[in-house]
């Protein structure tokens, strides 16, 4: 599962999470699309928002990277 799937599973809009992370929606989309890496603070915040462990959020980030690699091949 990647960050976008996790967000959609929880029924949270991207703009709501971006507000909670104190970033704009475009930056959040870049995080979801693995253009930029998340800082540990943002990972911790996402962990609280989604009620998932830090490890689960990091795995979601890895899932996004794996998906991009498959699409680039």
PDB file of N, CA and C in Angstrom:
ATOM      1  N   UNK A   1       0.846  -1.176   0.000  1.00  0.00           N
ATOM      2  CA  UNK A   1       0.000   0.000   0.000  1.00  0.00           C
ATOM      3  C   UNK A   1       0.892   1.240   0.000  1.00  0.00           C
ATOM      4  N   UNK A   2       0.531   2.229  -0.800  1.00  0.00           N
ATOM      5  CA  UNK A   2       1.309   3.466  -0.838  1.00  0.00           C
ATOM      6  C   UNK A   2       0.568   4.570  -0.079  1.00  0.00           C
ATOM      7  N   UNK A   3       1.175   5.748  -0.018  1.00  0.00           N
ATOM      8  CA  UNK A   3       0.600   6.847   0.763  1.00  0.00           C
ATOM      9  C   UNK A   3      -0.781   7.262   0.259  1.00  0.00           C
ATOM     10  N   UNK A   4      -0.950   7.305  -1.046  1.00  0.00           N
ATOM     11  CA  UNK A   4      -2.240   7.720  -1.599  1.00  0.00           C
ATOM     12  C   UNK A   4      -3.322   6.704  -1.250  1.00  0.00           C
ATOM     13  N   UNK A   5      -3.009   5.424  -1.395  1.00  0.00           N
ATOM     14  CA  UNK A   5      -3.986   4.396  -1.053  1.00  0.00           C
ATOM     15  C   UNK A   5      -4.341   4.447   0.433  1.00  0.00           C
ATOM     16  N   UNK A   6      -3.340   4.682   1.267  1.00  0.00           N
ATOM     17  CA  UNK A   6      -3.571   4.798   2.704  1.00  0.00           C
ATOM     18  C   UNK A   6      -4.504   5.970   3.007  1.00  0.00           C
ATOM     19  N   UNK A   7      -4.253   7.094   2.364  1.00  0.00           N
ATOM     20  CA  UNK A   7      -5.086   8.276   2.570  1.00  0.00           C
ATOM     21  C   UNK A   7      -6.519   8.015   2.105  1.00  0.00           C
ATOM     22  N   UNK A   8      -6.654   7.424   0.929  1.00  0.00           N
ATOM     23  CA  UNK A   8      -7.986   7.158   0.390  1.00  0.00           C
ATOM     24  C   UNK A   8      -8.727   6.123   1.236  1.00  0.00           C
ATOM     25  N   UNK A   9      -8.001   5.130   1.737  1.00  0.00           N
ATOM     26  CA  UNK A   9      -8.605   4.114   2.592  1.00  0.00           C
ATOM     27  C   UNK A   9      -9.203   4.743   3.849  1.00  0.00           C
ATOM     28  N   UNK A  10      -8.544   5.777   4.343  1.00  0.00           N
ATOM     29  CA  UNK A  10      -9.023   6.459   5.537  1.00  0.00           C
ATOM     30  C   UNK A  10     -10.016   7.568   5.223  1.00  0.00           C
ATOM     31  N   UNK A  11     -10.283   7.787   3.931  1.00  0.00           N
ATOM     32  CA  UNK A  11     -11.273   8.780   3.534  1.00  0.00           C
ATOM     33  C   UNK A  11     -10.870  10.210   3.837  1.00  0.00           C
ATOM     34  N   UNK A  12      -9.573  10.489   3.759  1.00  0.00           N
ATOM     35  CA  UNK A  12      -9.079  11.834   4.060  1.00  0.00           C
ATOM     36  C   UNK A  12      -8.672  12.520   2.757  1.00  0.00           C
ATOM     37  N   UNK A  13      -9.103  13.735   2.583  1.00  0.00           N
ATOM     38  CA  UNK A  13      -8.728  14.514   1.399  1.00  0.00           C
ATOM     39  C   UNK A  13      -7.279  14.987   1.521  1.00  0.00           C
ATOM     40  N   UNK A  14      -6.606  15.099   0.391  1.00  0.00           N
ATOM     41  CA  UNK A  14      -5.199  15.512   0.373  1.00  0.00           C
ATOM     42  C   UNK A  14      -5.016  16.884   1.004  1.00  0.00           C
ATOM     43  N   UNK A  15      -5.936  17.796   0.745  1.00  0.00           N
ATOM     44  CA  UNK A  15      -5.765  19.144   1.294  1.00  0.00           C
ATOM     45  C   UNK A  15      -5.847  19.147   2.819  1.00  0.00           C
ATOM     46  N   UNK A  16      -6.632  18.225   3.401  1.00  0.00           N
ATOM     47  CA  UNK A  16      -6.729  18.152   4.857  1.00  0.00           C
ATOM     48  C   UNK A  16      -5.402  17.702   5.465  1.00  0.00           C
ATOM     49  N   UNK A  17      -4.781  16.713   4.843  1.00  0.00           N
ATOM     50  CA  UNK A  17      -3.485  16.252   5.356  1.00  0.00           C
ATOM     51  C   UNK A  17      -2.433  17.322   5.146  1.00  0.00           C
ATOM     52  N   UNK A  18      -2.456  17.976   3.993  1.00  0.00           N
ATOM     53  CA  UNK A  18      -1.453  19.021   3.753  1.00  0.00           C
ATOM     54  C   UNK A  18      -1.580  20.134   4.788  1.00  0.00           C
ATOM     55  N   UNK A  19      -2.802  20.478   5.182  1.00  0.00           N
ATOM     56  CA  UNK A  19      -2.997  21.484   6.226  1.00  0.00           C
ATOM     57  C   UNK A  19      -2.377  21.022   7.551  1.00  0.00           C
ATOM     58  N   UNK A  20      -2.579  19.763   7.904  1.00  0.00           N
ATOM     59  CA  UNK A  20      -2.056  19.234   9.162  1.00  0.00           C
ATOM     60  C   UNK A  20      -0.532  19.133   9.158  1.00  0.00           C
ATOM     61  N   UNK A  21       0.045  18.985   7.952  1.00  0.00           N
ATOM     62  CA  UNK A  21       1.504  18.913   7.836  1.00  0.00           C
ATOM     63  C   UNK A  21       2.122  20.290   7.612  1.00  0.00           C
ATOM     64  N   UNK A  22       1.278  21.315   7.512  1.00  0.00           N
ATOM     65  CA  UNK A  22       1.721  22.702   7.276  1.00  0.00           C
ATOM     66  C   UNK A  22       2.489  22.844   5.960  1.00  0.00           C
ATOM     67  N   UNK A  23       1.956  22.193   4.932  1.00  0.00           N
ATOM     68  CA  UNK A  23       2.516  22.321   3.587  1.00  0.00           C
ATOM     69  C   UNK A  23       1.357  22.575   2.633  1.00  0.00           C
ATOM     70  N   UNK A  24       1.675  23.010   1.412  1.00  0.00           N
ATOM     71  CA  UNK A  24       0.583  23.208   0.458  1.00  0.00           C
ATOM     72  C   UNK A  24       0.249  21.880  -0.237  1.00  0.00           C
ATOM     73  N   UNK A  25      -0.895  21.853  -0.899  1.00  0.00           N
ATOM     74  CA  UNK A  25      -1.379  20.616  -1.514  1.00  0.00           C
ATOM     75  C   UNK A  25      -0.423  20.116  -2.589  1.00  0.00           C
ATOM     76  N   UNK A  26       0.188  21.035  -3.326  1.00  0.00           N
ATOM     77  CA  UNK A  26       1.137  20.631  -4.367  1.00  0.00           C
ATOM     78  C   UNK A  26       2.332  19.887  -3.765  1.00  0.00           C
ATOM     79  N   UNK A  27       2.835  20.392  -2.643  1.00  0.00           N
ATOM     80  CA  UNK A  27       3.944  19.704  -1.974  1.00  0.00           C
ATOM     81  C   UNK A  27       3.507  18.325  -1.494  1.00  0.00           C
ATOM     82  N   UNK A  28       2.297  18.240  -0.962  1.00  0.00           N
ATOM     83  CA  UNK A  28       1.810  16.949  -0.500  1.00  0.00           C
ATOM     84  C   UNK A  28       1.697  15.976  -1.663  1.00  0.00           C
ATOM     85  N   UNK A  29       1.209  16.448  -2.809  1.00  0.00           N
ATOM     86  CA  UNK A  29       1.137  15.587  -3.990  1.00  0.00           C
ATOM     87  C   UNK A  29       2.529  15.095  -4.390  1.00  0.00           C
ATOM     88  N   UNK A  30       3.526  15.964  -4.259  1.00  0.00           N
ATOM     89  CA  UNK A  30       4.898  15.548  -4.559  1.00  0.00           C
ATOM     90  C   UNK A  30       5.358  14.457  -3.607  1.00  0.00           C
ATOM     91  N   UNK A  31       4.960  14.531  -2.342  1.00  0.00           N
ATOM     92  CA  UNK A  31       5.294  13.468  -1.390  1.00  0.00           C
ATOM     93  C   UNK A  31       4.585  12.176  -1.778  1.00  0.00           C
ATOM     94  N   UNK A  32       3.307  12.276  -2.116  1.00  0.00           N
ATOM     95  CA  UNK A  32       2.552  11.078  -2.504  1.00  0.00           C
ATOM     96  C   UNK A  32       3.128  10.444  -3.765  1.00  0.00           C
ATOM     97  N   UNK A  33       3.657  11.253  -4.635  1.00  0.00           N
ATOM     98  CA  UNK A  33       4.232  10.740  -5.883  1.00  0.00           C
ATOM     99  C   UNK A  33       5.721  10.461  -5.777  1.00  0.00           C
ATOM    100  N   UNK A  34       6.252  10.539  -4.566  1.00  0.00           N
ATOM    101  CA  UNK A  34       7.651  10.231  -4.263  1.00  0.00           C
ATOM    102  C   UNK A  34       8.630  11.109  -5.026  1.00  0.00           C
ATOM    103  N   UNK A  35       8.259  12.344  -5.266  1.00  0.00           N
ATOM    104  CA  UNK A  35       9.174  13.292  -5.883  1.00  0.00           C
ATOM    105  C   UNK A  35      10.105  13.850  -4.816  1.00  0.00           C
ATOM    106  N   UNK A  36       9.552  14.057  -3.641  1.00  0.00           N
ATOM    107  CA  UNK A  36      10.344  14.508  -2.489  1.00  0.00           C
ATOM    108  C   UNK A  36      10.194  13.509  -1.364  1.00  0.00           C
ATOM    109  N   UNK A  37      11.225  13.361  -0.586  1.00  0.00           N
ATOM    110  CA  UNK A  37      11.205  12.465   0.568  1.00  0.00           C
ATOM    111  C   UNK A  37      10.568  13.172   1.761  1.00  0.00           C
ATOM    112  N   UNK A  38       9.890  12.405   2.572  1.00  0.00           N
ATOM    113  CA  UNK A  38       9.282  12.941   3.788  1.00  0.00           C
ATOM    114  C   UNK A  38      10.316  13.015   4.901  1.00  0.00           C
ATOM    115  N   UNK A  39      10.270  14.084   5.650  1.00  0.00           N
ATOM    116  CA  UNK A  39      11.123  14.191   6.832  1.00  0.00           C
ATOM    117  C   UNK A  39      10.552  13.284   7.921  1.00  0.00           C
ATOM    118  N   UNK A  40      11.364  12.973   8.896  1.00  0.00           N
ATOM    119  CA  UNK A  40      10.908  12.128   9.989  1.00  0.00           C
ATOM    120  C   UNK A  40       9.747  12.782  10.740  1.00  0.00           C
ATOM    121  N   UNK A  41       9.769  14.090  10.887  1.00  0.00           N
ATOM    122  CA  UNK A  41       8.669  14.788  11.555  1.00  0.00           C
ATOM    123  C   UNK A  41       7.364  14.588  10.785  1.00  0.00           C
ATOM    124  N   UNK A  42       7.408  14.682   9.471  1.00  0.00           N
ATOM    125  CA  UNK A  42       6.207  14.503   8.664  1.00  0.00           C
ATOM    126  C   UNK A  42       5.738  13.047   8.712  1.00  0.00           C
ATOM    127  N   UNK A  43       6.678  12.110   8.742  1.00  0.00           N
ATOM    128  CA  UNK A  43       6.321  10.699   8.879  1.00  0.00           C
ATOM    129  C   UNK A  43       5.621  10.474  10.223  1.00  0.00           C
ATOM    130  N   UNK A  44       6.157  11.082  11.284  1.00  0.00           N
ATOM    131  CA  UNK A  44       5.524  10.964  12.601  1.00  0.00           C
ATOM    132  C   UNK A  44       4.127  11.567  12.592  1.00  0.00           C
ATOM    133  N   UNK A  45       3.968  12.707  11.936  1.00  0.00           N
ATOM    134  CA  UNK A  45       2.644  13.339  11.848  1.00  0.00           C
ATOM    135  C   UNK A  45       1.666  12.468  11.066  1.00  0.00           C
ATOM    136  N   UNK A  46       2.128  11.895   9.960  1.00  0.00           N
ATOM    137  CA  UNK A  46       1.264  11.002   9.186  1.00  0.00           C
ATOM    138  C   UNK A  46       0.886   9.775   9.998  1.00  0.00           C
ATOM    139  N   UNK A  47       1.809   9.307  10.802  1.00  0.00           N
ATOM    140  CA  UNK A  47       1.540   8.168  11.679  1.00  0.00           C
ATOM    141  C   UNK A  47       0.378   8.482  12.622  1.00  0.00           C
ATOM    142  N   UNK A  48       0.382   9.673  13.170  1.00  0.00           N
ATOM    143  CA  UNK A  48      -0.707  10.092  14.057  1.00  0.00           C
ATOM    144  C   UNK A  48      -2.010  10.288  13.295  1.00  0.00           C
ATOM    145  N   UNK A  49      -1.942  10.909  12.136  1.00  0.00           N
ATOM    146  CA  UNK A  49      -3.139  11.177  11.328  1.00  0.00           C
ATOM    147  C   UNK A  49      -3.824   9.871  10.927  1.00  0.00           C
ATOM    148  N   UNK A  50      -3.029   8.906  10.449  1.00  0.00           N
ATOM    149  CA  UNK A  50      -3.577   7.645   9.943  1.00  0.00           C
ATOM    150  C   UNK A  50      -3.723   6.580  11.024  1.00  0.00           C
ATOM    151  N   UNK A  51      -3.215   6.887  12.219  1.00  0.00           N
ATOM    152  CA  UNK A  51      -3.227   5.916  13.321  1.00  0.00           C
ATOM    153  C   UNK A  51      -2.515   4.629  12.912  1.00  0.00           C
ATOM    154  N   UNK A  52      -1.369   4.815  12.309  1.00  0.00           N
ATOM    155  CA  UNK A  52      -0.502   3.712  11.886  1.00  0.00           C
ATOM    156  C   UNK A  52       0.865   3.914  12.520  1.00  0.00           C
ATOM    157  N   UNK A  53       1.620   2.850  12.595  1.00  0.00           N
ATOM    158  CA  UNK A  53       2.969   2.969  13.151  1.00  0.00           C
ATOM    159  C   UNK A  53       3.877   3.704  12.171  1.00  0.00           C
ATOM    160  N   UNK A  54       4.962   4.211  12.682  1.00  0.00           N
ATOM    161  CA  UNK A  54       5.953   4.872  11.834  1.00  0.00           C
ATOM    162  C   UNK A  54       6.454   3.893  10.779  1.00  0.00           C
ATOM    163  N   UNK A  55       6.646   2.637  11.174  1.00  0.00           N
ATOM    164  CA  UNK A  55       7.106   1.614  10.227  1.00  0.00           C
ATOM    165  C   UNK A  55       6.109   1.416   9.087  1.00  0.00           C
ATOM    166  N   UNK A  56       4.807   1.452   9.403  1.00  0.00           N
ATOM    167  CA  UNK A  56       3.790   1.298   8.357  1.00  0.00           C
ATOM    168  C   UNK A  56       3.812   2.480   7.391  1.00  0.00           C
ATOM    169  N   UNK A  57       4.022   3.677   7.903  1.00  0.00           N
ATOM    170  CA  UNK A  57       4.107   4.857   7.038  1.00  0.00           C
ATOM    171  C   UNK A  57       5.354   4.755   6.159  1.00  0.00           C
ATOM    172  N   UNK A  58       6.469   4.337   6.740  1.00  0.00           N
ATOM    173  CA  UNK A  58       7.693   4.178   5.948  1.00  0.00           C
ATOM    174  C   UNK A  58       7.503   3.112   4.875  1.00  0.00           C
ATOM    175  N   UNK A  59       6.790   2.033   5.197  1.00  0.00           N
ATOM    176  CA  UNK A  59       6.512   0.997   4.195  1.00  0.00           C
ATOM    177  C   UNK A  59       5.632   1.547   3.080  1.00  0.00           C
ATOM    178  N   UNK A  60       4.684   2.417   3.420  1.00  0.00           N
ATOM    179  CA  UNK A  60       3.840   3.049   2.404  1.00  0.00           C
ATOM    180  C   UNK A  60       4.688   3.920   1.484  1.00  0.00           C
ATOM    181  N   UNK A  61       5.683   4.602   2.060  1.00  0.00           N
ATOM    182  CA  UNK A  61       6.604   5.408   1.242  1.00  0.00           C
ATOM    183  C   UNK A  61       7.399   4.505   0.311  1.00  0.00           C
ATOM    184  N   UNK A  62       7.845   3.373   0.818  1.00  0.00           N
ATOM    185  CA  UNK A  62       8.587   2.408  -0.002  1.00  0.00           C
ATOM    186  C   UNK A  62       7.694   1.856  -1.113  1.00  0.00           C
ATOM    187  N   UNK A  63       6.425   1.615  -0.791  1.00  0.00           N
ATOM    188  CA  UNK A  63       5.481   1.121  -1.799  1.00  0.00           C
ATOM    189  C   UNK A  63       5.352   2.084  -2.956  1.00  0.00           C
ATOM    190  N   UNK A  64       5.361   3.368  -2.655  1.00  0.00           N
ATOM    191  CA  UNK A  64       5.289   4.399  -3.692  1.00  0.00           C
ATOM    192  C   UNK A  64       6.523   4.343  -4.578  1.00  0.00           C
ATOM    193  N   UNK A  65       7.700   4.191  -3.965  1.00  0.00           N
ATOM    194  CA  UNK A  65       8.942   4.113  -4.739  1.00  0.00           C
ATOM    195  C   UNK A  65       8.948   2.882  -5.641  1.00  0.00           C
ATOM    196  N   UNK A  66       8.504   1.749  -5.089  1.00  0.00           N
ATOM    197  CA  UNK A  66       8.463   0.519  -5.874  1.00  0.00           C
ATOM    198  C   UNK A  66       7.525   0.657  -7.064  1.00  0.00           C
ATOM    199  N   UNK A  67       6.381   1.279  -6.857  1.00  0.00           N
ATOM    200  CA  UNK A  67       5.423   1.494  -7.941  1.00  0.00           C
ATOM    201  C   UNK A  67       6.030   2.350  -9.044  1.00  0.00           C
ATOM    202  N   UNK A  68       6.736   3.400  -8.663  1.00  0.00           N
ATOM    203  CA  UNK A  68       7.359   4.274  -9.667  1.00  0.00           C
ATOM    204  C   UNK A  68       8.426   3.509 -10.445  1.00  0.00           C
ATOM    205  N   UNK A  69       9.186   2.670  -9.753  1.00  0.00           N
ATOM    206  CA  UNK A  69      10.231   1.878 -10.446  1.00  0.00           C
ATOM    207  C   UNK A  69       9.582   0.947 -11.473  1.00  0.00           C
ATOM    208  N   UNK A  70       8.488   0.289 -11.094  1.00  0.00           N
ATOM    209  CA  UNK A  70       7.823  -0.626 -12.025  1.00  0.00           C
ATOM    210  C   UNK A  70       7.300   0.124 -13.253  1.00  0.00           C
ATOM    211  N   UNK A  71       6.790   1.326 -13.055  1.00  0.00           N
ATOM    212  CA  UNK A  71       6.246   2.102 -14.157  1.00  0.00           C
ATOM    213  C   UNK A  71       7.318   2.652 -15.083  1.00  0.00           C
ATOM    214  N   UNK A  72       8.534   2.813 -14.570  1.00  0.00           N
ATOM    215  CA  UNK A  72       9.626   3.355 -15.387  1.00  0.00           C
ATOM    216  C   UNK A  72      10.343   2.286 -16.189  1.00  0.00           C
ATOM    217  N   UNK A  73      10.062   1.040 -15.919  1.00  0.00           N
ATOM    218  CA  UNK A  73      10.760  -0.054 -16.631  1.00  0.00           C
ATOM    219  C   UNK A  73      10.135  -0.299 -17.967  1.00  0.00           C
TER     220      UNK A  73
END
